[in-house]
Amino acid sequence: MAKTNPVQFMQQVRSEVAKVAWPSRREVVLTTVMVFIMAALTATFFSLVDMAIRFGLTTIVTGF
């Protein structure tokens, strides 16, 4: 593998970064909001499942 000097490396990095399709501010905000909504829904789901399992186990252990 050929070695490049630091100047060539930085030029290559800049050219690659220029090719990146950066998201708009609106896209970032919408994606962030969607992540928070999905995290809240997931937390709610697993909380309900946890409560159901706890109720079931408590019912079994205490003898109906």
Protein backbone atom coordinates (compact mmCIF):
# COMPACT_ATOMS: atom_id res chain seq x y z
CA MET A 1 0.00 0.00 0.00
CA ALA A 2 1.44 3.35 -1.04
CA LYS A 3 2.03 5.95 1.64
CA THR A 4 0.84 9.51 1.14
CA ASN A 5 2.26 12.56 2.78
CA PRO A 6 0.11 14.61 5.18
CA VAL A 7 -0.68 17.30 2.60
CA GLN A 8 -1.98 14.76 0.08
CA PHE A 9 -3.93 13.04 2.84
CA MET A 10 -5.67 16.29 3.83
CA GLN A 11 -6.48 17.03 0.18
CA GLN A 12 -8.05 13.58 -0.16
CA VAL A 13 -10.01 14.05 3.05
CA ARG A 14 -11.36 17.41 1.86
CA SER A 15 -12.37 15.97 -1.51
CA GLU A 16 -14.18 13.05 0.17
CA VAL A 17 -15.97 15.34 2.65
CA ALA A 18 -17.12 17.48 -0.27
CA LYS A 19 -18.86 14.40 -1.73
CA VAL A 20 -20.95 13.82 1.40
CA ALA A 21 -24.64 14.64 1.05
CA TRP A 22 -25.24 16.55 4.28
CA PRO A 23 -28.84 16.59 5.56
CA SER A 24 -30.72 19.84 5.82
CA ARG A 25 -31.62 21.33 9.19
CA ARG A 26 -35.25 20.30 8.67
CA GLU A 27 -34.26 16.69 7.99
CA VAL A 28 -32.12 16.59 11.13
CA VAL A 29 -34.93 18.01 13.28
CA LEU A 30 -37.53 15.61 11.86
CA THR A 31 -35.25 12.61 12.31
CA THR A 32 -34.45 13.64 15.87
CA VAL A 33 -38.13 14.03 16.73
CA MET A 34 -38.89 10.62 15.22
CA VAL A 35 -36.12 9.03 17.29
CA PHE A 36 -37.56 10.52 20.49
CA ILE A 37 -41.08 9.37 19.57
CA MET A 38 -39.90 5.83 18.81
CA ALA A 39 -37.88 5.72 22.05
CA ALA A 40 -40.94 6.82 24.05
CA LEU A 41 -43.16 4.23 22.33
CA THR A 42 -40.59 1.49 22.93
CA ALA A 43 -40.20 2.47 26.59
CA THR A 44 -43.97 2.45 27.03
CA PHE A 45 -44.31 -0.95 25.36
CA PHE A 46 -41.61 -2.57 27.49
CA SER A 47 -42.99 -0.98 30.65
CA LEU A 48 -46.41 -2.49 29.92
CA VAL A 49 -44.87 -5.88 29.16
CA ASP A 50 -42.86 -5.69 32.39
CA MET A 51 -45.98 -4.84 34.42
CA ALA A 52 -47.89 -7.72 32.80
CA ILE A 53 -45.13 -10.20 33.56
CA ARG A 54 -44.81 -8.90 37.13
CA PHE A 55 -48.56 -9.23 37.64
CA GLY A 56 -48.55 -12.75 36.24
CA LEU A 57 -45.64 -13.88 38.36
CA THR A 58 -47.09 -12.26 41.49
CA THR A 59 -50.39 -14.02 40.87
CA ILE A 60 -48.65 -17.38 40.42
CA VAL A 61 -46.35 -16.99 43.44
CA THR A 62 -49.03 -15.77 45.85
CA GLY A 63 -51.36 -18.58 44.81
CA PHE A 64 -54.14 -16.98 42.82
